[in-house]
Amino acid sequence: MISGEAIHTGECLCGAVRYEVRGPLRGVVNCHCTMCQRLHGAYAAHSKAKKVHIELVEDRGLRWHATSERARRGYCGECSSNLFWEPVDQDATGIVAGSLDQPTELETIGQIFTAEKADFVELIEGIPTFEGSSEGALEGDRV
């Protein structure tokens, strides 16, 4: 499911980073890669929106870290909340779904990098599953 006209809001744990999304959000994709496991403690649940639709309302805590040549991660430098995943080759930013204010009305639409999943995690049956990247195979993957 892709959310449309609503304005979605979100923030870090301490409020030093707050944002609004004024445009569609992609459904949630659970990433099981080793990097997400280390950053989030298990898998990471990400939505996505076009960069032009994301407005920072408060950014005093926002810090960026290049985690690879392909992407950087946005987090709060004050409370350490993970917030964003921004690939260098797309005009969209991944948003950590747990940082969005409820209700989101989003659904989980896929699971990626399942070949790397932690042994204590169970996959969700009935949704598309990929051993590596979905490479845009999921509906709305390129918001």
Protein backbone atom coordinates (compact mmCIF):
# COMPACT_ATOMS: atom_id res chain seq x y z
CA MET A 1 0.00 0.00 0.00
CA ILE A 2 1.29 3.45 -0.85
CA SER A 3 0.08 6.36 1.23
CA GLY A 4 -0.85 9.43 -0.80
CA GLU A 5 -2.01 12.91 0.10
CA ALA A 6 -1.61 12.88 3.87
CA ILE A 7 1.16 14.74 5.61
CA HIS A 8 3.23 12.30 7.65
CA THR A 9 5.36 13.44 10.54
CA GLY A 10 8.17 11.82 12.44
CA GLU A 11 10.98 12.44 14.84
CA CYS A 12 13.85 10.99 16.80
CA LEU A 13 13.52 9.88 20.42
CA CYS A 14 14.51 13.26 21.91
CA GLY A 15 12.93 15.61 19.35
CA ALA A 16 16.20 17.14 18.11
CA VAL A 17 15.24 15.92 14.62
CA ARG A 18 11.66 16.30 13.39
CA TYR A 19 10.42 16.01 9.84
CA GLU A 20 7.34 16.11 7.63
CA VAL A 21 6.67 14.13 4.48
CA ARG A 22 4.36 15.95 2.08
CA GLY A 23 3.86 13.29 -0.56
CA PRO A 24 3.47 9.55 -0.95
CA LEU A 25 5.31 7.08 1.25
CA ARG A 26 6.29 3.67 -0.05
CA GLY A 27 5.13 0.68 1.93
CA VAL A 28 7.57 -0.75 4.46
CA VAL A 29 10.42 -3.01 3.40
CA ASN A 30 12.20 -5.04 6.06
CA CYS A 31 15.94 -5.14 5.38
CA HIS A 32 17.81 -8.04 6.94
CA CYS A 33 21.32 -7.07 5.79
CA THR A 34 24.17 -7.29 8.29
CA MET A 35 24.61 -3.50 8.32
CA CYS A 36 20.95 -2.94 9.30
CA GLN A 37 21.28 -5.62 11.99
CA ARG A 38 24.22 -3.79 13.52
CA LEU A 39 22.51 -0.37 13.30
CA HIS A 40 19.04 -1.42 14.49
CA GLY A 41 19.65 -4.51 16.61
CA ALA A 42 17.80 -6.80 14.18
CA TYR A 43 16.31 -5.99 10.79
CA ALA A 44 15.38 -2.46 9.74
CA ALA A 45 11.87 -1.47 8.64
CA HIS A 46 12.10 1.31 6.04
CA SER A 47 9.57 3.34 4.13
CA LYS A 48 10.74 5.74 1.41
CA ALA A 49 9.82 9.16 0.01
CA LYS A 50 11.17 11.50 -2.63
CA LYS A 51 13.73 13.90 -1.21
CA VAL A 52 11.69 16.90 -2.37
CA HIS A 53 8.76 15.71 -0.24
CA ILE A 54 10.76 15.58 3.01
CA GLU A 55 11.02 18.77 5.05
CA LEU A 56 13.11 19.02 8.18
CA VAL A 57 11.12 20.87 10.86
CA GLU A 58 13.94 20.57 13.42
CA ASP A 59 17.43 19.49 12.42
CA ARG A 60 19.73 20.57 15.27
CA GLY A 61 20.56 16.92 16.03
CA LEU A 62 20.79 15.58 12.48
CA ARG A 63 24.10 13.99 11.57
CA TRP A 64 25.02 12.01 8.47
CA HIS A 65 27.45 9.12 8.19
CA ALA A 66 28.60 7.55 4.91
CA THR A 67 28.20 3.84 5.57
CA SER A 68 29.29 2.80 2.08
CA GLU A 69 30.02 4.26 -1.34
CA ARG A 70 26.33 3.70 -2.16
CA ALA A 71 24.59 5.43 0.75
CA ARG A 72 24.71 7.49 3.89
CA ARG A 73 22.66 7.17 7.09
CA GLY A 74 20.96 10.00 8.96
CA TYR A 75 20.73 9.80 12.72
CA CYS A 76 20.29 12.07 15.73
CA GLY A 77 23.60 13.11 17.24
CA GLU A 78 21.89 13.77 20.59
CA CYS A 79 19.89 10.56 21.21
CA SER A 80 21.39 8.28 18.50
CA SER A 81 18.04 7.43 16.85
CA ASN A 82 18.45 6.04 13.33
CA LEU A 83 16.19 8.00 10.98
CA PHE A 84 17.19 7.93 7.31
CA TRP A 85 18.94 5.88 4.65
CA GLU A 86 19.91 7.93 1.60
CA PRO A 87 21.27 6.22 -1.51
CA VAL A 88 23.53 8.41 -3.65
CA ASP A 89 21.96 7.31 -6.94
CA GLN A 90 18.28 8.01 -6.15
CA ASP A 91 16.14 11.08 -5.63
CA ALA A 92 14.49 9.33 -2.66
CA THR A 93 15.36 8.82 1.00
CA GLY A 94 14.61 5.77 3.09
CA ILE A 95 12.83 6.60 6.33
CA VAL A 96 13.08 4.35 9.39
CA ALA A 97 9.42 3.39 9.74
CA GLY A 98 9.53 3.42 13.55
CA SER A 99 10.40 7.12 13.51
CA LEU A 100 7.09 7.98 11.82
CA ASP A 101 4.25 9.18 14.03
CA GLN A 102 1.29 6.78 14.22
CA PRO A 103 -0.95 5.97 12.52
CA THR A 104 1.06 5.56 9.30
CA GLU A 105 -1.47 3.41 7.40
CA LEU A 106 1.52 1.65 5.80
CA GLU A 107 1.84 -2.07 5.21
CA THR A 108 4.92 -4.26 5.00
CA ILE A 109 5.42 -4.97 1.28
CA GLY A 110 8.65 -6.95 1.21
CA GLN A 111 11.71 -8.44 2.84
CA ILE A 112 15.21 -8.00 1.43
CA PHE A 113 18.66 -9.45 2.09
CA THR A 114 17.04 -12.43 3.77
CA ALA A 115 20.15 -14.54 3.08
CA GLU A 116 21.83 -12.45 5.81
CA LYS A 117 18.98 -12.49 8.35
CA ALA A 118 19.70 -13.17 11.99
CA ASP A 119 18.93 -16.70 13.13
CA PHE A 120 16.48 -15.46 15.78
CA VAL A 121 14.28 -13.62 13.24
CA GLU A 122 11.30 -15.24 11.53
CA LEU A 123 10.30 -14.01 8.07
CA ILE A 124 6.75 -12.88 7.39
CA GLU A 125 4.92 -15.38 5.22
CA GLY A 126 2.94 -14.22 2.22
CA ILE A 127 4.93 -11.13 1.21
CA PRO A 128 7.66 -10.87 -1.45
CA THR A 129 11.03 -12.07 -0.17
CA PHE A 130 14.45 -11.51 -1.76
CA GLU A 131 17.77 -13.07 -0.77
CA GLY A 132 19.46 -9.81 -1.82
CA SER A 133 18.16 -6.46 -3.01
CA SER A 134 14.71 -6.20 -4.54
CA GLU A 135 16.23 -3.98 -7.29
CA GLY A 136 12.96 -2.08 -7.76
CA ALA A 137 10.85 -5.25 -8.05
CA LEU A 138 8.44 -4.14 -5.33
CA GLU A 139 5.44 -1.95 -6.12
CA GLY A 140 6.31 1.66 -5.34
CA ASP A 141 9.99 0.86 -4.72
CA ARG A 142 11.01 3.95 -6.67
CA VAL A 143 8.55 6.34 -5.01
